[in-house]
Amino acid sequence: MVFLVAMIVLVAVGVLLWKAMAAQALATSSTASDDAPTGPTRAAQGPGRSRRPRPVAPDDDPEFLRHLDDQLRRSDRDDPPAS
């Protein structure tokens, strides 16, 4: 029982130290957007800062899907059904 309580306390202290170190690193960082830790400790971006565009997965990219559809239609036209 004592071991369980000690583990819970140790984990709680570790989490608090991690959060404190991340907040300190964020406050002293010269480039907050590149060197800041991810997660809830990251400061919100102001109205003057633009975000980098995120990469789009192929199944979410309309241009890729259009190209794939064109390829499939072209292959259907070129290959008649085998009956």
PDB file of N, CA and C in Angstrom:
ATOM      1  N   MET A   1       0.822  -1.192   0.000  1.00  0.00           N
ATOM      2  CA  MET A   1       0.000   0.000   0.000  1.00  0.00           C
ATOM      3  C   MET A   1       0.868   1.259   0.000  1.00  0.00           C
ATOM      4  N   VAL A   2       1.909   1.239   0.795  1.00  0.00           N
ATOM      5  CA  VAL A   2       2.814   2.387   0.864  1.00  0.00           C
ATOM      6  C   VAL A   2       3.512   2.571  -0.483  1.00  0.00           C
ATOM      7  N   PHE A   3       3.865   1.467  -1.119  1.00  0.00           N
ATOM      8  CA  PHE A   3       4.514   1.516  -2.427  1.00  0.00           C
ATOM      9  C   PHE A   3       3.601   2.185  -3.457  1.00  0.00           C
ATOM     10  N   LEU A   4       2.323   1.861  -3.424  1.00  0.00           N
ATOM     11  CA  LEU A   4       1.364   2.449  -4.363  1.00  0.00           C
ATOM     12  C   LEU A   4       1.236   3.958  -4.152  1.00  0.00           C
ATOM     13  N   VAL A   5       1.130   4.387  -2.917  1.00  0.00           N
ATOM     14  CA  VAL A   5       1.026   5.816  -2.612  1.00  0.00           C
ATOM     15  C   VAL A   5       2.306   6.530  -3.040  1.00  0.00           C
ATOM     16  N   ALA A   6       3.463   5.915  -2.780  1.00  0.00           N
ATOM     17  CA  ALA A   6       4.737   6.520  -3.173  1.00  0.00           C
ATOM     18  C   ALA A   6       4.818   6.666  -4.692  1.00  0.00           C
ATOM     19  N   MET A   7       4.349   5.696  -5.440  1.00  0.00           N
ATOM     20  CA  MET A   7       4.372   5.771  -6.900  1.00  0.00           C
ATOM     21  C   MET A   7       3.453   6.883  -7.402  1.00  0.00           C
ATOM     22  N   ILE A   8       2.276   7.017  -6.804  1.00  0.00           N
ATOM     23  CA  ILE A   8       1.341   8.069  -7.216  1.00  0.00           C
ATOM     24  C   ILE A   8       1.945   9.440  -6.943  1.00  0.00           C
ATOM     25  N   VAL A   9       2.555   9.609  -5.772  1.00  0.00           N
ATOM     26  CA  VAL A   9       3.185  10.884  -5.428  1.00  0.00           C
ATOM     27  C   VAL A   9       4.337  11.171  -6.379  1.00  0.00           C
ATOM     28  N   LEU A  10       5.136  10.161  -6.693  1.00  0.00           N
ATOM     29  CA  LEU A  10       6.275  10.330  -7.587  1.00  0.00           C
ATOM     30  C   LEU A  10       5.819  10.753  -8.983  1.00  0.00           C
ATOM     31  N   VAL A  11       4.781  10.138  -9.479  1.00  0.00           N
ATOM     32  CA  VAL A  11       4.253  10.497 -10.800  1.00  0.00           C
ATOM     33  C   VAL A  11       3.706  11.926 -10.775  1.00  0.00           C
ATOM     34  N   ALA A  12       2.992  12.291  -9.722  1.00  0.00           N
ATOM     35  CA  ALA A  12       2.429  13.643  -9.628  1.00  0.00           C
ATOM     36  C   ALA A  12       3.542  14.688  -9.579  1.00  0.00           C
ATOM     37  N   VAL A  13       4.586  14.439  -8.807  1.00  0.00           N
ATOM     38  CA  VAL A  13       5.705  15.382  -8.729  1.00  0.00           C
ATOM     39  C   VAL A  13       6.405  15.469 -10.081  1.00  0.00           C
ATOM     40  N   GLY A  14       6.569  14.354 -10.751  1.00  0.00           N
ATOM     41  CA  GLY A  14       7.192  14.353 -12.076  1.00  0.00           C
ATOM     42  C   GLY A  14       6.411  15.177 -13.080  1.00  0.00           C
ATOM     43  N   VAL A  15       5.103  15.032 -13.082  1.00  0.00           N
ATOM     44  CA  VAL A  15       4.260  15.796 -14.007  1.00  0.00           C
ATOM     45  C   VAL A  15       4.354  17.285 -13.703  1.00  0.00           C
ATOM     46  N   LEU A  16       4.308  17.642 -12.422  1.00  0.00           N
ATOM     47  CA  LEU A  16       4.405  19.058 -12.050  1.00  0.00           C
ATOM     48  C   LEU A  16       5.755  19.642 -12.448  1.00  0.00           C
ATOM     49  N   LEU A  17       6.838  18.896 -12.249  1.00  0.00           N
ATOM     50  CA  LEU A  17       8.159  19.377 -12.653  1.00  0.00           C
ATOM     51  C   LEU A  17       8.244  19.534 -14.165  1.00  0.00           C
ATOM     52  N   TRP A  18       7.683  18.588 -14.897  1.00  0.00           N
ATOM     53  CA  TRP A  18       7.700  18.648 -16.357  1.00  0.00           C
ATOM     54  C   TRP A  18       6.975  19.911 -16.840  1.00  0.00           C
ATOM     55  N   LYS A  19       5.796  20.165 -16.270  1.00  0.00           N
ATOM     56  CA  LYS A  19       5.027  21.350 -16.653  1.00  0.00           C
ATOM     57  C   LYS A  19       5.790  22.629 -16.306  1.00  0.00           C
ATOM     58  N   ALA A  20       6.420  22.656 -15.132  1.00  0.00           N
ATOM     59  CA  ALA A  20       7.162  23.851 -14.708  1.00  0.00           C
ATOM     60  C   ALA A  20       8.352  24.094 -15.632  1.00  0.00           C
ATOM     61  N   MET A  21       9.074  23.043 -15.992  1.00  0.00           N
ATOM     62  CA  MET A  21      10.228  23.193 -16.881  1.00  0.00           C
ATOM     63  C   MET A  21       9.783  23.623 -18.277  1.00  0.00           C
ATOM     64  N   ALA A  22       8.676  23.097 -18.759  1.00  0.00           N
ATOM     65  CA  ALA A  22       8.184  23.471 -20.082  1.00  0.00           C
ATOM     66  C   ALA A  22       7.755  24.935 -20.096  1.00  0.00           C
ATOM     67  N   ALA A  23       7.097  25.383 -19.030  1.00  0.00           N
ATOM     68  CA  ALA A  23       6.667  26.784 -18.962  1.00  0.00           C
ATOM     69  C   ALA A  23       7.884  27.697 -18.877  1.00  0.00           C
ATOM     70  N   GLN A  24       8.910  27.279 -18.132  1.00  0.00           N
ATOM     71  CA  GLN A  24      10.127  28.081 -18.019  1.00  0.00           C
ATOM     72  C   GLN A  24      10.850  28.143 -19.364  1.00  0.00           C
ATOM     73  N   ALA A  25      10.914  27.022 -20.068  1.00  0.00           N
ATOM     74  CA  ALA A  25      11.569  26.996 -21.374  1.00  0.00           C
ATOM     75  C   ALA A  25      10.810  27.877 -22.366  1.00  0.00           C
ATOM     76  N   LEU A  26       9.505  27.898 -22.261  1.00  0.00           N
ATOM     77  CA  LEU A  26       8.691  28.728 -23.145  1.00  0.00           C
ATOM     78  C   LEU A  26       8.918  30.210 -22.858  1.00  0.00           C
ATOM     79  N   ALA A  27       9.062  30.554 -21.591  1.00  0.00           N
ATOM     80  CA  ALA A  27       9.251  31.952 -21.212  1.00  0.00           C
ATOM     81  C   ALA A  27      10.631  32.465 -21.620  1.00  0.00           C
ATOM     82  N   THR A  28      11.650  31.611 -21.587  1.00  0.00           N
ATOM     83  CA  THR A  28      13.010  32.046 -21.904  1.00  0.00           C
ATOM     84  C   THR A  28      13.391  31.809 -23.350  1.00  0.00           C
ATOM     85  N   SER A  29      12.538  31.162 -24.110  1.00  0.00           N
ATOM     86  CA  SER A  29      12.848  30.842 -25.503  1.00  0.00           C
ATOM     87  C   SER A  29      12.783  32.102 -26.360  1.00  0.00           C
ATOM     88  N   SER A  30      13.776  32.264 -27.256  1.00  0.00           N
ATOM     89  CA  SER A  30      13.769  33.428 -28.140  1.00  0.00           C
ATOM     90  C   SER A  30      12.848  33.226 -29.330  1.00  0.00           C
ATOM     91  N   THR A  31      12.730  32.009 -29.805  1.00  0.00           N
ATOM     92  CA  THR A  31      11.805  31.693 -30.906  1.00  0.00           C
ATOM     93  C   THR A  31      10.757  30.746 -30.355  1.00  0.00           C
ATOM     94  N   ALA A  32       9.703  31.288 -29.835  1.00  0.00           N
ATOM     95  CA  ALA A  32       8.696  30.500 -29.132  1.00  0.00           C
ATOM     96  C   ALA A  32       7.999  29.497 -30.044  1.00  0.00           C
ATOM     97  N   SER A  33       7.837  29.788 -31.319  1.00  0.00           N
ATOM     98  CA  SER A  33       7.080  28.881 -32.174  1.00  0.00           C
ATOM     99  C   SER A  33       7.878  27.644 -32.567  1.00  0.00           C
ATOM    100  N   ASP A  34       9.207  27.734 -32.674  1.00  0.00           N
ATOM    101  CA  ASP A  34       9.994  26.589 -33.112  1.00  0.00           C
ATOM    102  C   ASP A  34      10.522  25.746 -31.953  1.00  0.00           C
ATOM    103  N   ASP A  35      10.929  26.375 -30.853  1.00  0.00           N
ATOM    104  CA  ASP A  35      11.551  25.643 -29.766  1.00  0.00           C
ATOM    105  C   ASP A  35      10.600  25.305 -28.634  1.00  0.00           C
ATOM    106  N   ALA A  36       9.375  25.770 -28.687  1.00  0.00           N
ATOM    107  CA  ALA A  36       8.439  25.565 -27.590  1.00  0.00           C
ATOM    108  C   ALA A  36       7.977  24.116 -27.564  1.00  0.00           C
ATOM    109  N   PRO A  37       7.687  23.603 -26.388  1.00  0.00           N
ATOM    110  CA  PRO A  37       7.163  22.247 -26.300  1.00  0.00           C
ATOM    111  C   PRO A  37       5.754  22.185 -26.867  1.00  0.00           C
ATOM    112  N   THR A  38       5.362  21.030 -27.325  1.00  0.00           N
ATOM    113  CA  THR A  38       4.011  20.878 -27.856  1.00  0.00           C
ATOM    114  C   THR A  38       3.048  20.613 -26.715  1.00  0.00           C
ATOM    115  N   GLY A  39       1.794  20.746 -26.971  1.00  0.00           N
ATOM    116  CA  GLY A  39       0.806  20.441 -25.957  1.00  0.00           C
ATOM    117  C   GLY A  39       0.231  21.682 -25.322  1.00  0.00           C
ATOM    118  N   PRO A  40      -0.392  21.526 -24.166  1.00  0.00           N
ATOM    119  CA  PRO A  40      -1.110  22.628 -23.554  1.00  0.00           C
ATOM    120  C   PRO A  40      -0.220  23.759 -23.059  1.00  0.00           C
ATOM    121  N   THR A  41       1.104  23.566 -22.958  1.00  0.00           N
ATOM    122  CA  THR A  41       1.968  24.636 -22.473  1.00  0.00           C
ATOM    123  C   THR A  41       2.362  25.601 -23.575  1.00  0.00           C
ATOM    124  N   ARG A  42       2.054  25.294 -24.819  1.00  0.00           N
ATOM    125  CA  ARG A  42       2.413  26.175 -25.929  1.00  0.00           C
ATOM    126  C   ARG A  42       1.497  27.389 -25.926  1.00  0.00           C
ATOM    127  N   ALA A  43       2.101  28.563 -26.088  1.00  0.00           N
ATOM    128  CA  ALA A  43       1.324  29.803 -26.091  1.00  0.00           C
ATOM    129  C   ALA A  43       0.495  29.903 -27.369  1.00  0.00           C
ATOM    130  N   ALA A  44      -0.653  30.513 -27.253  1.00  0.00           N
ATOM    131  CA  ALA A  44      -1.501  30.710 -28.426  1.00  0.00           C
ATOM    132  C   ALA A  44      -0.851  31.724 -29.352  1.00  0.00           C
ATOM    133  N   GLN A  45      -1.014  31.526 -30.643  1.00  0.00           N
ATOM    134  CA  GLN A  45      -0.415  32.442 -31.607  1.00  0.00           C
ATOM    135  C   GLN A  45      -1.268  33.690 -31.722  1.00  0.00           C
ATOM    136  N   GLY A  46      -0.600  34.814 -31.835  1.00  0.00           N
ATOM    137  CA  GLY A  46      -1.287  36.095 -31.922  1.00  0.00           C
ATOM    138  C   GLY A  46      -1.901  36.305 -33.283  1.00  0.00           C
ATOM    139  N   PRO A  47      -2.658  37.381 -33.450  1.00  0.00           N
ATOM    140  CA  PRO A  47      -3.334  37.630 -34.727  1.00  0.00           C
ATOM    141  C   PRO A  47      -2.368  37.956 -35.858  1.00  0.00           C
ATOM    142  N   GLY A  48      -1.163  38.444 -35.558  1.00  0.00           N
ATOM    143  CA  GLY A  48      -0.222  38.818 -36.600  1.00  0.00           C
ATOM    144  C   GLY A  48       0.619  37.664 -37.114  1.00  0.00           C
ATOM    145  N   ARG A  49       0.566  36.523 -36.465  1.00  0.00           N
ATOM    146  CA  ARG A  49       1.400  35.397 -36.865  1.00  0.00           C
ATOM    147  C   ARG A  49       0.604  34.412 -37.701  1.00  0.00           C
ATOM    148  N   SER A  50       1.201  33.988 -38.781  1.00  0.00           N
ATOM    149  CA  SER A  50       0.510  33.009 -39.621  1.00  0.00           C
ATOM    150  C   SER A  50       1.082  31.630 -39.342  1.00  0.00           C
ATOM    151  N   ARG A  51       0.264  30.642 -39.484  1.00  0.00           N
ATOM    152  CA  ARG A  51       0.691  29.265 -39.263  1.00  0.00           C
ATOM    153  C   ARG A  51       1.180  28.672 -40.574  1.00  0.00           C
ATOM    154  N   ARG A  52       2.150  27.778 -40.468  1.00  0.00           N
ATOM    155  CA  ARG A  52       2.612  27.075 -41.660  1.00  0.00           C
ATOM    156  C   ARG A  52       1.524  26.110 -42.116  1.00  0.00           C
ATOM    157  N   PRO A  53       1.356  25.954 -43.430  1.00  0.00           N
ATOM    158  CA  PRO A  53       0.336  25.006 -43.895  1.00  0.00           C
ATOM    159  C   PRO A  53       0.729  23.582 -43.513  1.00  0.00           C
ATOM    160  N   ARG A  54      -0.225  22.850 -43.049  1.00  0.00           N
ATOM    161  CA  ARG A  54       0.027  21.470 -42.642  1.00  0.00           C
ATOM    162  C   ARG A  54      -0.003  20.572 -43.876  1.00  0.00           C
ATOM    163  N   PRO A  55       0.786  19.506 -43.861  1.00  0.00           N
ATOM    164  CA  PRO A  55       0.727  18.575 -44.992  1.00  0.00           C
ATOM    165  C   PRO A  55      -0.639  17.890 -45.042  1.00  0.00           C
ATOM    166  N   VAL A  56      -1.082  17.627 -46.247  1.00  0.00           N
ATOM    167  CA  VAL A  56      -2.391  17.015 -46.444  1.00  0.00           C
ATOM    168  C   VAL A  56      -2.180  15.555 -46.821  1.00  0.00           C
ATOM    169  N   ALA A  57      -2.934  14.690 -46.176  1.00  0.00           N
ATOM    170  CA  ALA A  57      -2.866  13.264 -46.501  1.00  0.00           C
ATOM    171  C   ALA A  57      -3.423  13.054 -47.908  1.00  0.00           C
ATOM    172  N   PRO A  58      -2.909  12.051 -48.620  1.00  0.00           N
ATOM    173  CA  PRO A  58      -3.377  11.842 -50.005  1.00  0.00           C
ATOM    174  C   PRO A  58      -4.878  11.640 -50.119  1.00  0.00           C
ATOM    175  N   ASP A  59      -5.495  10.980 -49.156  1.00  0.00           N
ATOM    176  CA  ASP A  59      -6.933  10.751 -49.266  1.00  0.00           C
ATOM    177  C   ASP A  59      -7.754  11.989 -48.924  1.00  0.00           C
ATOM    178  N   ASP A  60      -7.111  13.065 -48.450  1.00  0.00           N
ATOM    179  CA  ASP A  60      -7.802  14.319 -48.177  1.00  0.00           C
ATOM    180  C   ASP A  60      -7.456  15.401 -49.196  1.00  0.00           C
ATOM    181  N   ASP A  61      -6.549  15.116 -50.104  1.00  0.00           N
ATOM    182  CA  ASP A  61      -6.078  16.107 -51.068  1.00  0.00           C
ATOM    183  C   ASP A  61      -6.940  16.039 -52.328  1.00  0.00           C
ATOM    184  N   PRO A  62      -7.726  17.075 -52.598  1.00  0.00           N
ATOM    185  CA  PRO A  62      -8.621  17.029 -53.762  1.00  0.00           C
ATOM    186  C   PRO A  62      -7.872  16.886 -55.083  1.00  0.00           C
ATOM    187  N   GLU A  63      -6.699  17.499 -55.193  1.00  0.00           N
ATOM    188  CA  GLU A  63      -5.933  17.382 -56.431  1.00  0.00           C
ATOM    189  C   GLU A  63      -5.471  15.942 -56.670  1.00  0.00           C
ATOM    190  N   PHE A  64      -5.020  15.271 -55.607  1.00  0.00           N
ATOM    191  CA  PHE A  64      -4.602  13.879 -55.733  1.00  0.00           C
ATOM    192  C   PHE A  64      -5.787  12.997 -56.110  1.00  0.00           C
ATOM    193  N   LEU A  65      -6.934  13.214 -55.477  1.00  0.00           N
ATOM    194  CA  LEU A  65      -8.112  12.402 -55.782  1.00  0.00           C
ATOM    195  C   LEU A  65      -8.589  12.624 -57.213  1.00  0.00           C
ATOM    196  N   ARG A  66      -8.508  13.872 -57.686  1.00  0.00           N
ATOM    197  CA  ARG A  66      -8.904  14.163 -59.067  1.00  0.00           C
ATOM    198  C   ARG A  66      -7.967  13.440 -60.036  1.00  0.00           C
ATOM    199  N   HIS A  67      -6.670  13.483 -59.752  1.00  0.00           N
ATOM    200  CA  HIS A  67      -5.690  12.811 -60.605  1.00  0.00           C
ATOM    201  C   HIS A  67      -5.924  11.299 -60.607  1.00  0.00           C
ATOM    202  N   LEU A  68      -6.218  10.732 -59.451  1.00  0.00           N
ATOM    203  CA  LEU A  68      -6.487   9.294 -59.352  1.00  0.00           C
ATOM    204  C   LEU A  68      -7.737   8.921 -60.133  1.00  0.00           C
ATOM    205  N   ASP A  69      -8.775   9.753 -60.032  1.00  0.00           N
ATOM    206  CA  ASP A  69     -10.008   9.503 -60.768  1.00  0.00           C
ATOM    207  C   ASP A  69      -9.762   9.559 -62.276  1.00  0.00           C
ATOM    208  N   ASP A  70      -8.969  10.530 -62.723  1.00  0.00           N
ATOM    209  CA  ASP A  70      -8.636  10.623 -64.151  1.00  0.00           C
ATOM    210  C   ASP A  70      -7.884   9.381 -64.618  1.00  0.00           C
ATOM    211  N   GLN A  71      -6.958   8.900 -63.819  1.00  0.00           N
ATOM    212  CA  GLN A  71      -6.205   7.695 -64.186  1.00  0.00           C
ATOM    213  C   GLN A  71      -7.127   6.488 -64.302  1.00  0.00           C
ATOM    214  N   LEU A  72      -8.043   6.347 -63.348  1.00  0.00           N
ATOM    215  CA  LEU A  72      -8.965   5.209 -63.382  1.00  0.00           C
ATOM    216  C   LEU A  72      -9.882   5.284 -64.592  1.00  0.00           C
ATOM    217  N   ARG A  73     -10.376   6.466 -64.915  1.00  0.00           N
ATOM    218  CA  ARG A  73     -11.249   6.605 -66.087  1.00  0.00           C
ATOM    219  C   ARG A  73     -10.491   6.321 -67.375  1.00  0.00           C
ATOM    220  N   ARG A  74      -9.230   6.789 -67.436  1.00  0.00           N
ATOM    221  CA  ARG A  74      -8.408   6.537 -68.620  1.00  0.00           C
ATOM    222  C   ARG A  74      -8.142   5.036 -68.793  1.00  0.00           C
ATOM    223  N   SER A  75      -7.856   4.344 -67.682  1.00  0.00           N
ATOM    224  CA  SER A  75      -7.580   2.907 -67.785  1.00  0.00           C
ATOM    225  C   SER A  75      -8.846   2.137 -68.138  1.00  0.00           C
ATOM    226  N   ASP A  76     -10.021   2.602 -67.668  1.00  0.00           N
ATOM    227  CA  ASP A  76     -11.279   1.953 -68.033  1.00  0.00           C
ATOM    228  C   ASP A  76     -11.586   2.126 -69.512  1.00  0.00           C
ATOM    229  N   ARG A  77     -11.256   3.295 -70.064  1.00  0.00           N
ATOM    230  CA  ARG A  77     -11.483   3.550 -71.485  1.00  0.00           C
ATOM    231  C   ARG A  77     -10.556   2.695 -72.345  1.00  0.00           C
ATOM    232  N   ASP A  78      -9.302   2.565 -71.914  1.00  0.00           N
ATOM    233  CA  ASP A  78      -8.313   1.844 -72.699  1.00  0.00           C
ATOM    234  C   ASP A  78      -8.501   0.326 -72.633  1.00  0.00           C
ATOM    235  N   ASP A  79      -8.935  -0.195 -71.508  1.00  0.00           N
ATOM    236  CA  ASP A  79      -9.096  -1.651 -71.327  1.00  0.00           C
ATOM    237  C   ASP A  79     -10.571  -2.013 -71.367  1.00  0.00           C
ATOM    238  N   PRO A  80     -11.024  -2.624 -72.469  1.00  0.00           N
ATOM    239  CA  PRO A  80     -12.432  -3.046 -72.513  1.00  0.00           C
ATOM    240  C   PRO A  80     -12.645  -4.216 -71.550  1.00  0.00           C
ATOM    241  N   PRO A  81     -13.858  -4.390 -71.044  1.00  0.00           N
ATOM    242  CA  PRO A  81     -14.118  -5.490 -70.106  1.00  0.00           C
ATOM    243  C   PRO A  81     -13.917  -6.846 -70.778  1.00  0.00           C
ATOM    244  N   ALA A  82     -13.308  -7.753 -70.055  1.00  0.00           N
ATOM    245  CA  ALA A  82     -13.065  -9.108 -70.589  1.00  0.00           C
ATOM    246  C   ALA A  82     -14.290  -9.970 -70.334  1.00  0.00           C
ATOM    247  N   SER A  83     -15.000 -10.357 -71.428  1.00  0.00           N
ATOM    248  CA  SER A  83     -16.172 -11.217 -71.265  1.00  0.00           C
ATOM    249  C   SER A  83     -16.097 -12.410 -72.165  1.00  0.00           C
TER     250      SER A  83
END
